[in-house]
Each structure stands twice: as C-alpha cells, then as structure tokens.
Amino acid sequence: QEELCAEAQKMLLEASSTLALVPGVEKLIHWLHGSGLQIGIATNKSAQGLARALQASGLEPYIHITRSATEAPAKPCPQML
C-alpha cells in the first residue's frame, strides 16, 4: 500500500509539471494587479501543488493570498474563503 501511494504521488507530480493557463488569464492578472487590486486564489490543490503552479506560471508575485485544501476543508466549504 505504501509503494502504491508513493507511486501514485510520483505520477501526480509528473502530470502536474505541465501547466496551461486559460487563454487571456495572464493578461487579466497583470491588468488587475496594475489596477491596484489584490488577487487571491482558493483551490482544492495542495499548498505544495499551488506553490509549484504559481512558480511555474510566473504569476507568484501577483497573488497576494492563497488558500488551499491543505489549509482548509475543500471547496465549497466557506472556510476556504
């Protein structure tokens, strides 16, 4: 069971190494940031997965607060926000 879990986690990490943003979202985030708005993300990803995605996308400096499934019950739980 431990080997199976370790292998599944390894496969998920490899699969999450490819990142594709929704077309136009990068431009929108830059515009929102330039307008003085603070941007937050609430996701069912783990904190580590979110950190990797933000770093890989180059959008990390534009996100002011994050909440992940590691930190709160999964969406749609109000504690996520």
N, C-alpha and C. Protein backbone atom coordinates (compact mmCIF):
# COMPACT_ATOMS: atom_id res chain seq x y z
N GLN A 1 0.82 -1.18 0.00
CA GLN A 1 0.00 0.00 0.00
C GLN A 1 0.88 1.26 0.00
N GLU A 2 1.94 1.24 0.79
CA GLU A 2 2.85 2.39 0.82
C GLU A 2 3.50 2.61 -0.54
N GLU A 3 3.92 1.52 -1.18
CA GLU A 3 4.54 1.64 -2.50
C GLU A 3 3.54 2.18 -3.52
N LEU A 4 2.30 1.72 -3.45
CA LEU A 4 1.27 2.17 -4.37
C LEU A 4 1.01 3.67 -4.17
N CYS A 5 0.91 4.10 -2.93
CA CYS A 5 0.69 5.52 -2.65
C CYS A 5 1.86 6.37 -3.12
N ALA A 6 3.07 5.90 -2.88
CA ALA A 6 4.26 6.64 -3.31
C ALA A 6 4.30 6.75 -4.83
N GLU A 7 3.97 5.68 -5.52
CA GLU A 7 3.97 5.70 -6.99
C GLU A 7 2.87 6.61 -7.53
N ALA A 8 1.70 6.58 -6.90
CA ALA A 8 0.60 7.46 -7.33
C ALA A 8 0.99 8.92 -7.13
N GLN A 9 1.62 9.22 -6.01
CA GLN A 9 2.04 10.60 -5.75
C GLN A 9 3.08 11.04 -6.77
N LYS A 10 4.01 10.15 -7.10
CA LYS A 10 5.03 10.45 -8.10
C LYS A 10 4.39 10.74 -9.46
N MET A 11 3.40 9.94 -9.84
CA MET A 11 2.73 10.14 -11.12
C MET A 11 1.96 11.46 -11.14
N LEU A 12 1.32 11.81 -10.03
CA LEU A 12 0.60 13.07 -9.96
C LEU A 12 1.54 14.26 -10.07
N LEU A 13 2.70 14.17 -9.43
CA LEU A 13 3.68 15.24 -9.52
C LEU A 13 4.17 15.42 -10.95
N GLU A 14 4.43 14.31 -11.62
CA GLU A 14 4.89 14.38 -13.01
C GLU A 14 3.80 14.96 -13.91
N ALA A 15 2.55 14.56 -13.68
CA ALA A 15 1.45 15.06 -14.51
C ALA A 15 1.21 16.54 -14.27
N SER A 16 1.45 16.99 -13.03
CA SER A 16 1.19 18.40 -12.73
C SER A 16 2.34 19.30 -13.16
N SER A 17 3.40 18.72 -13.72
CA SER A 17 4.53 19.54 -14.14
C SER A 17 4.21 20.32 -15.42
N THR A 18 3.18 19.89 -16.15
CA THR A 18 2.76 20.64 -17.32
C THR A 18 1.65 21.59 -16.89
N LEU A 19 1.78 22.82 -17.26
CA LEU A 19 0.84 23.85 -16.82
C LEU A 19 0.34 24.61 -18.02
N ALA A 20 -0.98 24.73 -18.12
CA ALA A 20 -1.57 25.51 -19.19
C ALA A 20 -2.57 26.47 -18.57
N LEU A 21 -2.36 27.75 -18.78
CA LEU A 21 -3.28 28.75 -18.27
C LEU A 21 -4.44 28.94 -19.24
N VAL A 22 -5.59 29.31 -18.71
CA VAL A 22 -6.73 29.64 -19.55
C VAL A 22 -6.32 30.83 -20.42
N PRO A 23 -6.60 30.80 -21.71
CA PRO A 23 -6.21 31.91 -22.58
C PRO A 23 -6.73 33.25 -22.03
N GLY A 24 -5.83 34.21 -21.95
CA GLY A 24 -6.18 35.55 -21.50
C GLY A 24 -6.04 35.79 -20.00
N VAL A 25 -5.88 34.72 -19.22
CA VAL A 25 -5.84 34.91 -17.77
C VAL A 25 -4.57 35.63 -17.31
N GLU A 26 -3.46 35.38 -17.95
CA GLU A 26 -2.23 36.06 -17.56
C GLU A 26 -2.36 37.57 -17.79
N LYS A 27 -2.92 37.95 -18.93
CA LYS A 27 -3.14 39.36 -19.24
C LYS A 27 -4.10 39.98 -18.22
N LEU A 28 -5.14 39.24 -17.86
CA LEU A 28 -6.11 39.72 -16.88
C LEU A 28 -5.46 39.93 -15.51
N ILE A 29 -4.65 38.99 -15.08
CA ILE A 29 -3.98 39.12 -13.78
C ILE A 29 -3.05 40.32 -13.77
N HIS A 30 -2.32 40.52 -14.84
CA HIS A 30 -1.44 41.69 -14.92
C HIS A 30 -2.26 42.99 -14.88
N TRP A 31 -3.40 43.01 -15.57
CA TRP A 31 -4.26 44.19 -15.58
C TRP A 31 -4.83 44.46 -14.19
N LEU A 32 -5.33 43.41 -13.53
CA LEU A 32 -5.88 43.56 -12.18
C LEU A 32 -4.81 44.08 -11.21
N HIS A 33 -3.65 43.49 -11.30
CA HIS A 33 -2.54 43.91 -10.43
C HIS A 33 -2.17 45.37 -10.71
N GLY A 34 -2.08 45.73 -11.97
CA GLY A 34 -1.75 47.10 -12.35
C GLY A 34 -2.81 48.11 -11.94
N SER A 35 -4.03 47.64 -11.75
CA SER A 35 -5.13 48.50 -11.31
C SER A 35 -5.15 48.68 -9.79
N GLY A 36 -4.21 48.03 -9.11
CA GLY A 36 -4.12 48.17 -7.66
C GLY A 36 -4.94 47.17 -6.88
N LEU A 37 -5.55 46.23 -7.56
CA LEU A 37 -6.35 45.23 -6.86
C LEU A 37 -5.47 44.11 -6.31
N GLN A 38 -5.87 43.55 -5.20
CA GLN A 38 -5.17 42.40 -4.65
C GLN A 38 -5.88 41.14 -5.13
N ILE A 39 -5.11 40.14 -5.47
CA ILE A 39 -5.65 38.93 -6.07
C ILE A 39 -5.42 37.76 -5.12
N GLY A 40 -6.45 36.96 -4.94
CA GLY A 40 -6.36 35.76 -4.11
C GLY A 40 -6.79 34.54 -4.89
N ILE A 41 -6.33 33.39 -4.43
CA ILE A 41 -6.69 32.12 -5.07
C ILE A 41 -7.17 31.17 -3.99
N ALA A 42 -8.32 30.53 -4.23
CA ALA A 42 -8.82 29.44 -3.40
C ALA A 42 -8.90 28.22 -4.29
N THR A 43 -8.25 27.13 -3.89
CA THR A 43 -8.17 25.96 -4.75
C THR A 43 -8.22 24.68 -3.94
N ASN A 44 -8.64 23.62 -4.58
CA ASN A 44 -8.61 22.30 -3.95
C ASN A 44 -7.26 21.62 -4.14
N LYS A 45 -6.32 22.31 -4.77
CA LYS A 45 -4.95 21.80 -4.86
C LYS A 45 -4.32 21.81 -3.48
N SER A 46 -3.26 21.05 -3.31
CA SER A 46 -2.50 21.12 -2.07
C SER A 46 -1.69 22.42 -2.07
N ALA A 47 -1.22 22.82 -0.91
CA ALA A 47 -0.40 24.04 -0.82
C ALA A 47 0.86 23.89 -1.68
N GLN A 48 1.45 22.70 -1.67
CA GLN A 48 2.65 22.47 -2.48
C GLN A 48 2.33 22.53 -3.97
N GLY A 49 1.21 21.95 -4.37
CA GLY A 49 0.81 21.98 -5.77
C GLY A 49 0.53 23.39 -6.26
N LEU A 50 -0.13 24.17 -5.41
CA LEU A 50 -0.41 25.55 -5.77
C LEU A 50 0.87 26.36 -5.88
N ALA A 51 1.78 26.17 -4.93
CA ALA A 51 3.06 26.90 -4.98
C ALA A 51 3.83 26.56 -6.25
N ARG A 52 3.84 25.28 -6.63
CA ARG A 52 4.52 24.87 -7.87
C ARG A 52 3.87 25.51 -9.09
N ALA A 53 2.53 25.53 -9.12
CA ALA A 53 1.83 26.10 -10.26
C ALA A 53 2.08 27.60 -10.38
N LEU A 54 2.06 28.30 -9.25
CA LEU A 54 2.30 29.75 -9.29
C LEU A 54 3.73 30.05 -9.73
N GLN A 55 4.66 29.26 -9.25
CA GLN A 55 6.06 29.48 -9.63
C GLN A 55 6.26 29.16 -11.11
N ALA A 56 5.70 28.05 -11.57
CA ALA A 56 5.87 27.65 -12.97
C ALA A 56 5.23 28.65 -13.93
N SER A 57 4.12 29.25 -13.51
CA SER A 57 3.42 30.20 -14.38
C SER A 57 4.04 31.58 -14.36
N GLY A 58 4.86 31.87 -13.34
CA GLY A 58 5.43 33.20 -13.21
C GLY A 58 4.47 34.20 -12.59
N LEU A 59 3.33 33.72 -12.10
CA LEU A 59 2.32 34.62 -11.55
C LEU A 59 2.42 34.78 -10.03
N GLU A 60 3.35 34.11 -9.42
CA GLU A 60 3.50 34.16 -7.97
C GLU A 60 3.57 35.58 -7.40
N PRO A 61 4.31 36.50 -8.02
CA PRO A 61 4.40 37.86 -7.45
C PRO A 61 3.08 38.64 -7.47
N TYR A 62 2.12 38.20 -8.25
CA TYR A 62 0.87 38.94 -8.41
C TYR A 62 -0.25 38.45 -7.49
N ILE A 63 -0.01 37.35 -6.80
CA ILE A 63 -1.04 36.75 -5.95
C ILE A 63 -0.74 37.12 -4.50
N HIS A 64 -1.71 37.77 -3.86
CA HIS A 64 -1.49 38.30 -2.51
C HIS A 64 -1.84 37.32 -1.41
N ILE A 65 -2.81 36.44 -1.64
CA ILE A 65 -3.20 35.47 -0.63
C ILE A 65 -3.69 34.21 -1.32
N THR A 66 -3.41 33.08 -0.70
CA THR A 66 -3.88 31.81 -1.24
C THR A 66 -4.52 31.01 -0.12
N ARG A 67 -5.40 30.12 -0.51
CA ARG A 67 -5.99 29.17 0.41
C ARG A 67 -6.08 27.86 -0.35
N SER A 68 -5.56 26.81 0.25
CA SER A 68 -5.54 25.52 -0.42
C SER A 68 -6.26 24.47 0.43
N ALA A 69 -6.48 23.31 -0.16
CA ALA A 69 -7.14 22.22 0.55
C ALA A 69 -6.28 21.73 1.72
N THR A 70 -5.01 22.05 1.72
CA THR A 70 -4.12 21.70 2.82
C THR A 70 -4.44 22.57 4.04
N GLU A 71 -4.94 23.77 3.79
CA GLU A 71 -5.15 24.75 4.86
C GLU A 71 -6.59 24.84 5.34
N ALA A 72 -7.54 24.38 4.55
CA ALA A 72 -8.96 24.48 4.90
C ALA A 72 -9.70 23.32 4.25
N PRO A 73 -10.90 23.02 4.74
CA PRO A 73 -11.70 22.00 4.05
C PRO A 73 -11.92 22.39 2.59
N ALA A 74 -12.07 21.40 1.75
CA ALA A 74 -12.20 21.64 0.30
C ALA A 74 -13.42 22.47 -0.04
N LYS A 75 -13.34 23.15 -1.19
CA LYS A 75 -14.47 23.92 -1.70
C LYS A 75 -15.64 22.95 -1.86
N PRO A 76 -16.83 23.38 -1.62
CA PRO A 76 -17.33 24.73 -1.43
C PRO A 76 -17.42 25.17 0.04
N CYS A 77 -16.65 24.61 0.92
CA CYS A 77 -16.70 24.98 2.33
C CYS A 77 -16.39 26.48 2.50
N PRO A 78 -17.20 27.21 3.25
CA PRO A 78 -16.97 28.64 3.44
C PRO A 78 -15.62 28.97 4.07
N GLN A 79 -15.05 28.03 4.84
CA GLN A 79 -13.74 28.27 5.44
C GLN A 79 -12.65 28.44 4.39
N MET A 80 -12.90 27.97 3.19
CA MET A 80 -11.94 28.13 2.12
C MET A 80 -11.73 29.62 1.81
N LEU A 81 -12.77 30.41 1.99
CA LEU A 81 -12.66 31.83 1.72
C LEU A 81 -12.38 32.59 2.99
